[in-house]
Amino acid sequence: VFYLFVFCGKGDAGVAQVVFEVVLGVLFFVVLLPVSIFVGLLTKLTSRGPVIFSQKRIGKNGKVFTLYKFRTMRHNSKGALWTEKKDRRVTSLGKVLRFTHLDELPQLVNIIRGDISITGPRPERVELVAQYEKLPYYDVRHMIKPGLSGWAQIKFRPSASLEEAYEKLCYDVYYIKNRSLLYDFIIILRTVRYLFTSKFHG
């Protein structure tokens, strides 16, 4: 009943939804803390560099915030901004973390802080947004808070070019235009379903 209350309507997140997501974020953070500690230890023991990788992303209304992930690349790795297949910068453990999406666990902190929601367009890197802004209607993505999971993530692979970024943008715009309780629920169910498959592109 409470879930229905906080997600009713198509409007932007209200106070009730923000409180709900913070509570849910804290709950999952506590429950998954042993897993996070285990992943953190493995990351520290198997490669040099910090356990947590932080990156500047663009959120609602163009606000810049820091997104957290478990580090999956070698320390101080440099290269292309876009996702690459068989990226040599990714560590052996990083491949497993990316496939299982366990590298996303630290983003529960972002949910608790209010940087992102459970569902919404995925926040992009500051450097990529500077390029994506050339795409028509790209600013529409910044009308709502970005999400841990989104329609574009379960329907399309990570962008590797401006053309693919535009196709992914179409999914985001469609979601923003049609967002509802049922839509968010479908995204959550599909995210859980694809959690341990390559079909989910978080």
N, C-alpha and C. Protein backbone atom coordinates (compact mmCIF):
# COMPACT_ATOMS: atom_id res chain seq x y z
N VAL A 1 0.84 -1.20 0.00
CA VAL A 1 0.00 0.00 0.00
C VAL A 1 0.87 1.25 0.00
N PHE A 2 1.92 1.24 0.84
CA PHE A 2 2.80 2.39 0.90
C PHE A 2 3.51 2.60 -0.43
N TYR A 3 3.91 1.47 -1.07
CA TYR A 3 4.57 1.56 -2.37
C TYR A 3 3.64 2.21 -3.40
N LEU A 4 2.39 1.82 -3.40
CA LEU A 4 1.43 2.41 -4.32
C LEU A 4 1.28 3.90 -4.05
N PHE A 5 1.32 4.27 -2.80
CA PHE A 5 1.13 5.67 -2.43
C PHE A 5 2.28 6.55 -2.94
N VAL A 6 3.50 6.07 -2.74
CA VAL A 6 4.63 6.91 -3.10
C VAL A 6 4.85 6.97 -4.61
N PHE A 7 4.37 5.99 -5.34
CA PHE A 7 4.59 6.00 -6.77
C PHE A 7 3.34 6.36 -7.58
N CYS A 8 2.30 6.80 -6.93
CA CYS A 8 1.08 7.12 -7.67
C CYS A 8 1.32 8.32 -8.57
N GLY A 9 0.66 8.32 -9.73
CA GLY A 9 0.76 9.44 -10.64
C GLY A 9 2.02 9.40 -11.49
N LYS A 10 2.10 10.36 -12.43
CA LYS A 10 3.24 10.42 -13.34
C LYS A 10 4.16 11.58 -13.01
N GLY A 11 3.89 12.32 -11.97
CA GLY A 11 4.70 13.48 -11.64
C GLY A 11 6.06 13.08 -11.12
N ASP A 12 6.91 14.10 -10.90
CA ASP A 12 8.24 13.85 -10.40
C ASP A 12 8.18 13.39 -8.96
N ALA A 13 9.30 12.87 -8.47
CA ALA A 13 9.35 12.29 -7.13
C ALA A 13 8.95 13.31 -6.08
N GLY A 14 8.02 12.93 -5.21
CA GLY A 14 7.62 13.77 -4.11
C GLY A 14 8.38 13.40 -2.86
N VAL A 15 8.04 14.09 -1.76
CA VAL A 15 8.73 13.84 -0.50
C VAL A 15 8.56 12.39 -0.06
N ALA A 16 7.34 11.85 -0.21
CA ALA A 16 7.08 10.48 0.21
C ALA A 16 7.96 9.49 -0.54
N GLN A 17 8.14 9.69 -1.84
CA GLN A 17 8.96 8.78 -2.63
C GLN A 17 10.42 8.90 -2.22
N VAL A 18 10.88 10.12 -1.97
CA VAL A 18 12.27 10.31 -1.55
C VAL A 18 12.53 9.57 -0.24
N VAL A 19 11.60 9.71 0.72
CA VAL A 19 11.74 9.02 2.01
C VAL A 19 11.75 7.51 1.80
N PHE A 20 10.83 7.03 0.95
CA PHE A 20 10.75 5.60 0.66
C PHE A 20 12.05 5.07 0.10
N GLU A 21 12.63 5.80 -0.86
CA GLU A 21 13.85 5.34 -1.50
C GLU A 21 15.04 5.37 -0.54
N VAL A 22 15.08 6.36 0.33
CA VAL A 22 16.15 6.43 1.32
C VAL A 22 16.05 5.24 2.27
N VAL A 23 14.84 4.96 2.74
CA VAL A 23 14.62 3.83 3.65
C VAL A 23 14.99 2.52 2.95
N LEU A 24 14.56 2.37 1.70
CA LEU A 24 14.88 1.16 0.94
C LEU A 24 16.38 1.04 0.70
N GLY A 25 17.02 2.19 0.42
CA GLY A 25 18.45 2.19 0.20
C GLY A 25 19.22 1.76 1.45
N VAL A 26 18.79 2.27 2.61
CA VAL A 26 19.43 1.90 3.87
C VAL A 26 19.23 0.41 4.15
N LEU A 27 18.02 -0.08 3.89
CA LEU A 27 17.71 -1.49 4.12
C LEU A 27 18.61 -2.39 3.29
N PHE A 28 18.70 -2.11 1.99
CA PHE A 28 19.54 -2.92 1.12
C PHE A 28 21.01 -2.76 1.46
N PHE A 29 21.41 -1.57 1.87
CA PHE A 29 22.80 -1.33 2.25
C PHE A 29 23.19 -2.22 3.42
N VAL A 30 22.32 -2.30 4.42
CA VAL A 30 22.59 -3.12 5.60
C VAL A 30 22.60 -4.60 5.25
N VAL A 31 21.58 -5.03 4.48
CA VAL A 31 21.45 -6.44 4.13
C VAL A 31 22.64 -6.91 3.27
N LEU A 32 23.08 -6.05 2.36
CA LEU A 32 24.15 -6.42 1.44
C LEU A 32 25.54 -6.01 1.91
N LEU A 33 25.63 -5.48 3.13
CA LEU A 33 26.92 -5.04 3.65
C LEU A 33 27.97 -6.17 3.68
N PRO A 34 27.61 -7.40 4.11
CA PRO A 34 28.60 -8.49 4.08
C PRO A 34 29.12 -8.75 2.67
N VAL A 35 28.23 -8.69 1.67
CA VAL A 35 28.65 -8.89 0.28
C VAL A 35 29.58 -7.76 -0.15
N SER A 36 29.24 -6.54 0.21
CA SER A 36 30.07 -5.38 -0.15
C SER A 36 31.45 -5.48 0.47
N ILE A 37 31.52 -5.89 1.73
CA ILE A 37 32.81 -6.04 2.41
C ILE A 37 33.65 -7.11 1.71
N PHE A 38 33.00 -8.22 1.34
CA PHE A 38 33.70 -9.31 0.65
C PHE A 38 34.24 -8.84 -0.70
N VAL A 39 33.42 -8.13 -1.46
CA VAL A 39 33.84 -7.62 -2.77
C VAL A 39 34.97 -6.61 -2.60
N GLY A 40 34.85 -5.77 -1.58
CA GLY A 40 35.89 -4.78 -1.32
C GLY A 40 37.23 -5.42 -1.00
N LEU A 41 37.22 -6.47 -0.19
CA LEU A 41 38.44 -7.19 0.16
C LEU A 41 39.06 -7.85 -1.06
N LEU A 42 38.23 -8.47 -1.89
CA LEU A 42 38.73 -9.11 -3.10
C LEU A 42 39.37 -8.08 -4.04
N THR A 43 38.72 -6.92 -4.16
CA THR A 43 39.25 -5.86 -5.01
C THR A 43 40.62 -5.39 -4.52
N LYS A 44 40.72 -5.24 -3.20
CA LYS A 44 41.98 -4.77 -2.60
C LYS A 44 43.09 -5.80 -2.76
N LEU A 45 42.75 -7.07 -2.64
CA LEU A 45 43.76 -8.13 -2.67
C LEU A 45 44.20 -8.53 -4.07
N THR A 46 43.39 -8.25 -5.07
CA THR A 46 43.68 -8.73 -6.42
C THR A 46 44.26 -7.67 -7.36
N SER A 47 44.25 -6.41 -6.96
CA SER A 47 44.82 -5.38 -7.83
C SER A 47 45.16 -4.13 -7.02
N ARG A 48 46.10 -3.36 -7.55
CA ARG A 48 46.51 -2.13 -6.89
C ARG A 48 45.49 -1.03 -7.13
N GLY A 49 45.40 -0.10 -6.15
CA GLY A 49 44.51 1.03 -6.32
C GLY A 49 43.40 1.05 -5.29
N PRO A 50 42.60 2.10 -5.30
CA PRO A 50 41.51 2.23 -4.33
C PRO A 50 40.41 1.20 -4.59
N VAL A 51 39.70 0.83 -3.54
CA VAL A 51 38.60 -0.13 -3.67
C VAL A 51 37.40 0.51 -4.36
N ILE A 52 37.09 1.73 -3.95
CA ILE A 52 35.94 2.45 -4.50
C ILE A 52 36.38 3.40 -5.60
N PHE A 53 35.69 3.35 -6.71
CA PHE A 53 35.95 4.24 -7.83
C PHE A 53 34.86 5.30 -7.85
N SER A 54 35.26 6.56 -7.85
CA SER A 54 34.29 7.65 -7.89
C SER A 54 34.42 8.41 -9.20
N GLN A 55 33.30 8.91 -9.66
CA GLN A 55 33.27 9.58 -10.96
C GLN A 55 32.19 10.66 -10.96
N LYS A 56 32.49 11.79 -11.58
CA LYS A 56 31.53 12.88 -11.67
C LYS A 56 30.47 12.56 -12.73
N ARG A 57 29.22 12.64 -12.32
CA ARG A 57 28.11 12.39 -13.23
C ARG A 57 27.13 13.57 -13.20
N ILE A 58 26.28 13.63 -14.22
CA ILE A 58 25.28 14.69 -14.31
C ILE A 58 23.92 14.16 -13.85
N GLY A 59 23.29 14.87 -12.91
CA GLY A 59 22.00 14.45 -12.37
C GLY A 59 20.88 15.37 -12.79
N LYS A 60 19.86 15.42 -11.97
CA LYS A 60 18.68 16.24 -12.26
C LYS A 60 19.05 17.71 -12.38
N ASN A 61 18.45 18.36 -13.38
CA ASN A 61 18.68 19.78 -13.65
C ASN A 61 20.15 20.10 -13.93
N GLY A 62 20.89 19.10 -14.41
CA GLY A 62 22.28 19.33 -14.78
C GLY A 62 23.23 19.41 -13.61
N LYS A 63 22.78 19.04 -12.42
CA LYS A 63 23.63 19.10 -11.23
C LYS A 63 24.69 18.00 -11.27
N VAL A 64 25.93 18.39 -10.96
CA VAL A 64 27.03 17.43 -10.94
C VAL A 64 27.11 16.76 -9.57
N PHE A 65 27.24 15.44 -9.55
CA PHE A 65 27.40 14.71 -8.29
C PHE A 65 28.42 13.60 -8.49
N THR A 66 28.84 13.00 -7.40
CA THR A 66 29.83 11.93 -7.44
C THR A 66 29.15 10.57 -7.34
N LEU A 67 29.36 9.74 -8.35
CA LEU A 67 28.80 8.39 -8.37
C LEU A 67 29.86 7.40 -7.89
N TYR A 68 29.44 6.40 -7.11
CA TYR A 68 30.38 5.44 -6.55
C TYR A 68 30.18 4.04 -7.13
N LYS A 69 31.29 3.36 -7.37
CA LYS A 69 31.29 1.97 -7.82
C LYS A 69 32.51 1.27 -7.23
N PHE A 70 32.46 -0.06 -7.22
CA PHE A 70 33.67 -0.79 -6.93
C PHE A 70 34.56 -0.70 -8.16
N ARG A 71 35.84 -0.49 -7.95
CA ARG A 71 36.76 -0.34 -9.08
C ARG A 71 36.86 -1.65 -9.85
N THR A 72 36.71 -1.56 -11.17
CA THR A 72 36.79 -2.74 -12.03
C THR A 72 37.94 -2.64 -13.03
N MET A 73 38.58 -1.47 -13.09
CA MET A 73 39.71 -1.28 -14.01
C MET A 73 41.01 -1.15 -13.24
N ARG A 74 42.11 -1.35 -13.97
CA ARG A 74 43.41 -1.15 -13.35
C ARG A 74 43.59 0.30 -12.95
N HIS A 75 44.30 0.52 -11.86
CA HIS A 75 44.48 1.86 -11.32
C HIS A 75 45.14 2.78 -12.35
N ASN A 76 44.60 4.01 -12.45
CA ASN A 76 45.13 5.04 -13.35
C ASN A 76 45.01 4.65 -14.82
N SER A 77 44.05 3.78 -15.14
CA SER A 77 43.84 3.41 -16.54
C SER A 77 43.25 4.58 -17.31
N LYS A 78 43.73 4.77 -18.51
CA LYS A 78 43.21 5.82 -19.37
C LYS A 78 42.86 5.21 -20.72
N GLY A 79 41.91 5.83 -21.40
CA GLY A 79 41.50 5.30 -22.68
C GLY A 79 40.23 5.96 -23.17
N ALA A 80 39.49 5.24 -23.99
CA ALA A 80 38.27 5.78 -24.58
C ALA A 80 37.21 6.06 -23.53
N LEU A 81 36.38 7.07 -23.80
CA LEU A 81 35.28 7.41 -22.90
C LEU A 81 34.17 6.38 -22.99
N TRP A 82 33.94 5.87 -24.21
CA TRP A 82 32.86 4.93 -24.42
C TRP A 82 33.27 3.51 -24.03
N THR A 83 32.28 2.68 -23.81
CA THR A 83 32.52 1.29 -23.44
C THR A 83 33.15 0.54 -24.61
N GLU A 84 34.14 -0.26 -24.31
CA GLU A 84 34.82 -1.04 -25.33
C GLU A 84 34.65 -2.53 -25.06
N LYS A 85 34.53 -3.34 -26.12
CA LYS A 85 34.46 -4.78 -25.95
C LYS A 85 35.86 -5.32 -25.65
N LYS A 86 35.92 -6.29 -24.74
CA LYS A 86 37.19 -6.91 -24.36
C LYS A 86 38.21 -5.84 -23.96
N ASP A 87 37.77 -4.91 -23.13
CA ASP A 87 38.62 -3.81 -22.68
C ASP A 87 39.74 -4.35 -21.80
N ARG A 88 40.99 -4.15 -22.23
CA ARG A 88 42.14 -4.66 -21.51
C ARG A 88 42.37 -3.94 -20.18
N ARG A 89 41.71 -2.80 -19.99
CA ARG A 89 41.87 -2.07 -18.74
C ARG A 89 41.12 -2.74 -17.59
N VAL A 90 40.15 -3.58 -17.91
CA VAL A 90 39.33 -4.23 -16.89
C VAL A 90 40.10 -5.39 -16.26
N THR A 91 40.09 -5.45 -14.93
CA THR A 91 40.78 -6.53 -14.22
C THR A 91 39.97 -7.83 -14.32
N SER A 92 40.60 -8.94 -13.95
CA SER A 92 39.92 -10.24 -13.99
C SER A 92 38.71 -10.22 -13.06
N LEU A 93 38.91 -9.69 -11.85
CA LEU A 93 37.79 -9.58 -10.92
C LEU A 93 36.76 -8.60 -11.44
N GLY A 94 37.24 -7.54 -12.08
CA GLY A 94 36.33 -6.53 -12.62
C GLY A 94 35.36 -7.09 -13.64
N LYS A 95 35.82 -8.06 -14.43
CA LYS A 95 34.94 -8.70 -15.41
C LYS A 95 33.78 -9.41 -14.72
N VAL A 96 34.10 -10.08 -13.61
CA VAL A 96 33.07 -10.79 -12.85
C VAL A 96 32.11 -9.78 -12.21
N LEU A 97 32.66 -8.73 -11.64
CA LEU A 97 31.82 -7.72 -10.99
C LEU A 97 30.89 -7.04 -11.99
N ARG A 98 31.40 -6.78 -13.18
CA ARG A 98 30.57 -6.13 -14.19
C ARG A 98 29.48 -7.07 -14.69
N PHE A 99 29.82 -8.34 -14.87
CA PHE A 99 28.84 -9.30 -15.35
C PHE A 99 27.71 -9.49 -14.34
N THR A 100 28.07 -9.56 -13.05
CA THR A 100 27.08 -9.76 -12.00
C THR A 100 26.50 -8.44 -11.50
N HIS A 101 27.11 -7.31 -11.94
CA HIS A 101 26.69 -5.97 -11.55
C HIS A 101 26.89 -5.69 -10.07
N LEU A 102 27.75 -6.47 -9.43
CA LEU A 102 28.07 -6.23 -8.04
C LEU A 102 28.90 -4.96 -7.88
N ASP A 103 29.51 -4.49 -8.96
CA ASP A 103 30.26 -3.23 -8.89
C ASP A 103 29.35 -2.04 -8.64
N GLU A 104 28.04 -2.23 -8.83
CA GLU A 104 27.08 -1.15 -8.64
C GLU A 104 26.63 -0.99 -7.18
N LEU A 105 27.00 -1.92 -6.31
CA LEU A 105 26.52 -1.89 -4.92
C LEU A 105 26.77 -0.56 -4.19
N PRO A 106 27.93 0.08 -4.37
CA PRO A 106 28.16 1.35 -3.68
C PRO A 106 27.17 2.45 -4.05
N GLN A 107 26.44 2.27 -5.15
CA GLN A 107 25.47 3.28 -5.54
C GLN A 107 24.25 3.32 -4.62
N LEU A 108 24.16 2.35 -3.72
CA LEU A 108 23.13 2.43 -2.68
C LEU A 108 23.37 3.68 -1.83
N VAL A 109 24.63 4.07 -1.69
CA VAL A 109 24.97 5.30 -0.98
C VAL A 109 24.42 6.50 -1.74
N ASN A 110 24.51 6.45 -3.07
CA ASN A 110 23.97 7.54 -3.89
C ASN A 110 22.46 7.65 -3.74
N ILE A 111 21.77 6.50 -3.59
CA ILE A 111 20.33 6.52 -3.37
C ILE A 111 20.03 7.14 -2.01
N ILE A 112 20.78 6.74 -0.99
CA ILE A 112 20.57 7.26 0.36
C ILE A 112 20.82 8.77 0.40
N ARG A 113 21.80 9.22 -0.35
CA ARG A 113 22.13 10.66 -0.39
C ARG A 113 21.15 11.45 -1.24
N GLY A 114 20.33 10.76 -2.02
CA GLY A 114 19.36 11.44 -2.86
C GLY A 114 19.90 11.86 -4.21
N ASP A 115 21.09 11.35 -4.58
CA ASP A 115 21.66 11.69 -5.89
C ASP A 115 20.90 11.03 -7.03
N ILE A 116 20.47 9.78 -6.79
CA ILE A 116 19.76 9.03 -7.82
C ILE A 116 18.54 8.35 -7.21
N SER A 117 17.63 7.94 -8.09
CA SER A 117 16.46 7.18 -7.67
C SER A 117 16.68 5.71 -7.99
N ILE A 118 15.69 4.89 -7.69
CA ILE A 118 15.79 3.47 -8.02
C ILE A 118 15.66 3.28 -9.53
N THR A 119 14.73 4.01 -10.15
CA THR A 119 14.55 3.93 -11.60
C THR A 119 14.67 5.31 -12.21
N GLY A 120 15.16 5.35 -13.44
CA GLY A 120 15.33 6.61 -14.15
C GLY A 120 16.46 6.47 -15.16
N PRO A 121 16.69 7.49 -15.98
CA PRO A 121 17.82 7.44 -16.93
C PRO A 121 19.14 7.34 -16.17
N ARG A 122 20.04 6.52 -16.67
CA ARG A 122 21.33 6.39 -16.00
C ARG A 122 22.12 7.68 -16.13
N PRO A 123 22.74 8.15 -15.04
CA PRO A 123 23.53 9.39 -15.11
C PRO A 123 24.79 9.17 -15.93
N GLU A 124 25.09 10.11 -16.80
CA GLU A 124 26.26 9.97 -17.66
C GLU A 124 27.44 10.78 -17.12
N ARG A 125 28.63 10.43 -17.58
CA ARG A 125 29.84 11.16 -17.20
C ARG A 125 29.79 12.58 -17.72
N VAL A 126 30.41 13.48 -17.00
CA VAL A 126 30.43 14.90 -17.39
C VAL A 126 31.02 15.05 -18.78
N GLU A 127 32.10 14.31 -19.06
CA GLU A 127 32.77 14.42 -20.35
C GLU A 127 31.87 13.94 -21.50
N LEU A 128 31.09 12.89 -21.25
CA LEU A 128 30.21 12.37 -22.29
C LEU A 128 29.02 13.29 -22.52
N VAL A 129 28.50 13.87 -21.44
CA VAL A 129 27.36 14.78 -21.57
C VAL A 129 27.73 15.96 -22.45
N ALA A 130 28.96 16.41 -22.36
CA ALA A 130 29.42 17.53 -23.19
C ALA A 130 29.30 17.19 -24.67
N GLN A 131 29.43 15.89 -25.00
CA GLN A 131 29.28 15.46 -26.40
C GLN A 131 27.82 15.15 -26.72
N TYR A 132 27.12 14.53 -25.76
CA TYR A 132 25.73 14.14 -26.00
C TYR A 132 24.79 15.33 -26.12
N GLU A 133 25.21 16.47 -25.58
CA GLU A 133 24.34 17.65 -25.65
C GLU A 133 24.11 18.10 -27.08
N LYS A 134 24.90 17.57 -28.02
CA LYS A 134 24.70 17.87 -29.43
C LYS A 134 23.44 17.18 -29.96
N LEU A 135 23.00 16.14 -29.26
CA LEU A 135 21.82 15.39 -29.69
C LEU A 135 20.55 16.17 -29.39
N PRO A 136 19.57 16.14 -30.28
CA PRO A 136 18.31 16.86 -30.04
C PRO A 136 17.56 16.30 -28.84
N TYR A 137 17.04 17.21 -28.00
CA TYR A 137 16.23 16.87 -26.83
C TYR A 137 17.01 16.12 -25.74
N TYR A 138 18.33 16.19 -25.78
CA TYR A 138 19.09 15.47 -24.77
C TYR A 138 18.83 16.01 -23.36
N ASP A 139 18.58 17.30 -23.24
CA ASP A 139 18.34 17.91 -21.93
C ASP A 139 17.09 17.35 -21.25
N VAL A 140 16.23 16.69 -22.01
CA VAL A 140 15.02 16.10 -21.42
C VAL A 140 15.41 15.07 -20.35
N ARG A 141 16.53 14.41 -20.53
CA ARG A 141 16.98 13.40 -19.55
C ARG A 141 17.20 14.00 -18.17
N HIS A 142 17.51 15.29 -18.14
CA HIS A 142 17.84 15.94 -16.87
C HIS A 142 16.62 16.56 -16.18
N MET A 143 15.43 16.29 -16.71
CA MET A 143 14.21 16.81 -16.10
C MET A 143 13.85 16.05 -14.83
N ILE A 144 14.31 14.80 -14.74
CA ILE A 144 14.01 13.99 -13.56
C ILE A 144 15.32 13.45 -12.98
N LYS A 145 15.24 12.90 -11.80
CA LYS A 145 16.43 12.34 -11.14
C LYS A 145 16.85 11.06 -11.87
N PRO A 146 18.15 10.89 -12.10
CA PRO A 146 18.62 9.66 -12.74
C PRO A 146 18.38 8.46 -11.83
N GLY A 147 18.55 7.25 -12.39
CA GLY A 147 18.23 6.05 -11.62
C GLY A 147 19.33 5.01 -11.60
N LEU A 148 19.23 4.12 -10.63
CA LEU A 148 20.14 2.98 -10.54
C LEU A 148 19.92 2.04 -11.72
N SER A 149 18.65 1.90 -12.12
CA SER A 149 18.29 1.13 -13.29
C SER A 149 17.31 1.94 -14.13
N GLY A 150 17.22 1.64 -15.40
CA GLY A 150 16.33 2.40 -16.27
C GLY A 150 15.89 1.61 -17.48
N TRP A 151 14.92 2.14 -18.20
CA TRP A 151 14.37 1.47 -19.38
C TRP A 151 15.44 1.27 -20.45
N ALA A 152 16.29 2.27 -20.64
CA ALA A 152 17.34 2.17 -21.66
C ALA A 152 18.35 1.08 -21.30
N GLN A 153 18.60 0.89 -20.01
CA GLN A 153 19.58 -0.09 -19.58
C GLN A 153 19.13 -1.53 -19.82
N ILE A 154 17.82 -1.78 -19.73
CA ILE A 154 17.34 -3.14 -19.92
C ILE A 154 16.91 -3.39 -21.38
N LYS A 155 16.97 -2.33 -22.20
CA LYS A 155 16.56 -2.49 -23.60
C LYS A 155 17.70 -2.31 -24.59
N PHE A 156 18.81 -1.70 -24.13
CA PHE A 156 19.88 -1.38 -25.08
C PHE A 156 21.24 -1.53 -24.42
N ARG A 157 22.23 -1.84 -25.22
CA ARG A 157 23.60 -2.01 -24.71
C ARG A 157 24.23 -0.65 -24.39
N PRO A 158 25.35 -0.65 -23.66
CA PRO A 158 26.05 0.62 -23.39
C PRO A 158 26.45 1.31 -24.68
N SER A 159 26.36 2.63 -24.69
CA SER A 159 26.67 3.39 -25.90
C SER A 159 28.16 3.32 -26.23
N ALA A 160 28.45 3.18 -27.54
CA ALA A 160 29.82 3.16 -28.01
C ALA A 160 30.05 4.22 -29.08
N SER A 161 29.03 5.06 -29.31
CA SER A 161 29.13 6.13 -30.31
C SER A 161 27.98 7.10 -30.10
N LEU A 162 28.03 8.22 -30.78
CA LEU A 162 26.94 9.20 -30.69
C LEU A 162 25.65 8.62 -31.25
N GLU A 163 25.77 7.81 -32.28
CA GLU A 163 24.59 7.20 -32.88
C GLU A 163 23.88 6.28 -31.88
N GLU A 164 24.66 5.47 -31.17
CA GLU A 164 24.07 4.58 -30.18
C GLU A 164 23.54 5.37 -28.99
N ALA A 165 24.22 6.44 -28.64
CA ALA A 165 23.75 7.30 -27.55
C ALA A 165 22.39 7.90 -27.89
N TYR A 166 22.19 8.24 -29.16
CA TYR A 166 20.91 8.80 -29.57
C TYR A 166 19.80 7.75 -29.48
N GLU A 167 20.13 6.52 -29.88
CA GLU A 167 19.13 5.45 -29.79
C GLU A 167 18.76 5.19 -28.33
N LYS A 168 19.75 5.23 -27.47
CA LYS A 168 19.50 5.03 -26.04
C LYS A 168 18.69 6.19 -25.48
N LEU A 169 18.96 7.40 -25.99
CA LEU A 169 18.21 8.58 -25.57
C LEU A 169 16.72 8.42 -25.88
N CYS A 170 16.41 7.79 -27.00
CA CYS A 170 15.01 7.59 -27.38
C CYS A 170 14.28 6.75 -26.33
N TYR A 171 14.95 5.75 -25.78
CA TYR A 171 14.35 4.94 -24.72
C TYR A 171 14.12 5.77 -23.47
N ASP A 172 15.09 6.64 -23.15
CA ASP A 172 14.96 7.48 -21.96
C ASP A 172 13.81 8.47 -22.10
N VAL A 173 13.70 9.09 -23.26
CA VAL A 173 12.61 10.04 -23.49
C VAL A 173 11.26 9.35 -23.43
N TYR A 174 11.20 8.15 -23.99
CA TYR A 174 9.95 7.37 -23.94
C TYR A 174 9.57 7.08 -22.49
N TYR A 175 10.56 6.72 -21.68
CA TYR A 175 10.29 6.44 -20.26
C TYR A 175 9.79 7.68 -19.54
N ILE A 176 10.46 8.80 -19.76
CA ILE A 176 10.07 10.04 -19.08
C ILE A 176 8.65 10.45 -19.45
N LYS A 177 8.30 10.25 -20.71
CA LYS A 177 6.97 10.62 -21.19
C LYS A 177 5.89 9.70 -20.64
N ASN A 178 6.23 8.43 -20.40
CA ASN A 178 5.22 7.45 -20.01
C ASN A 178 5.40 6.88 -18.60
N ARG A 179 6.27 7.47 -17.81
CA ARG A 179 6.58 6.92 -16.49
C ARG A 179 5.34 6.81 -15.62
N SER A 180 5.25 5.72 -14.90
CA SER A 180 4.10 5.45 -14.04
C SER A 180 4.49 4.37 -13.04
N LEU A 181 3.60 4.07 -12.12
CA LEU A 181 3.82 3.00 -11.15
C LEU A 181 4.09 1.68 -11.85
N LEU A 182 3.25 1.34 -12.82
CA LEU A 182 3.39 0.06 -13.53
C LEU A 182 4.70 0.00 -14.28
N TYR A 183 5.07 1.10 -14.94
CA TYR A 183 6.31 1.16 -15.72
C TYR A 183 7.52 0.94 -14.81
N ASP A 184 7.56 1.64 -13.69
CA ASP A 184 8.67 1.48 -12.75
C ASP A 184 8.74 0.06 -12.21
N PHE A 185 7.58 -0.51 -11.95
CA PHE A 185 7.52 -1.88 -11.42
C PHE A 185 8.07 -2.87 -12.44
N ILE A 186 7.74 -2.67 -13.72
CA ILE A 186 8.24 -3.53 -14.79
C ILE A 186 9.77 -3.42 -14.88
N ILE A 187 10.29 -2.20 -14.78
CA ILE A 187 11.74 -1.99 -14.84
C ILE A 187 12.44 -2.70 -13.69
N ILE A 188 11.87 -2.60 -12.50
CA ILE A 188 12.46 -3.26 -11.33
C ILE A 188 12.46 -4.77 -11.51
N LEU A 189 11.33 -5.33 -11.98
CA LEU A 189 11.24 -6.78 -12.19
C LEU A 189 12.24 -7.25 -13.23
N ARG A 190 12.37 -6.50 -14.33
CA ARG A 190 13.31 -6.91 -15.38
C ARG A 190 14.75 -6.74 -14.92
N THR A 191 14.99 -5.74 -14.09
CA THR A 191 16.34 -5.55 -13.55
C THR A 191 16.74 -6.75 -12.70
N VAL A 192 15.82 -7.20 -11.85
CA VAL A 192 16.09 -8.38 -11.02
C VAL A 192 16.29 -9.61 -11.89
N ARG A 193 15.47 -9.72 -12.93
CA ARG A 193 15.56 -10.87 -13.83
C ARG A 193 16.89 -10.91 -14.57
N TYR A 194 17.37 -9.74 -15.00
CA TYR A 194 18.59 -9.67 -15.79
C TYR A 194 19.84 -9.43 -14.94
N LEU A 195 19.69 -9.42 -13.64
CA LEU A 195 20.78 -9.02 -12.76
C LEU A 195 22.05 -9.81 -13.00
N PHE A 196 21.92 -11.12 -13.24
CA PHE A 196 23.10 -11.95 -13.43
C PHE A 196 23.26 -12.39 -14.88
N THR A 197 22.79 -11.55 -15.80
CA THR A 197 22.99 -11.83 -17.22
C THR A 197 23.56 -10.60 -17.88
N SER A 198 24.06 -10.77 -19.09
CA SER A 198 24.65 -9.64 -19.82
C SER A 198 23.59 -8.76 -20.44
N LYS A 199 22.31 -9.08 -20.24
CA LYS A 199 21.25 -8.30 -20.88
C LYS A 199 20.98 -7.00 -20.16
N PHE A 200 21.43 -6.89 -18.92
CA PHE A 200 21.23 -5.65 -18.17
C PHE A 200 22.49 -4.81 -18.28
N HIS A 201 22.34 -3.57 -18.71
CA HIS A 201 23.51 -2.73 -18.94
C HIS A 201 23.51 -1.56 -17.97
N GLY A 202 23.92 -1.83 -16.73
CA GLY A 202 23.91 -0.80 -15.71
C GLY A 202 25.07 0.15 -15.84
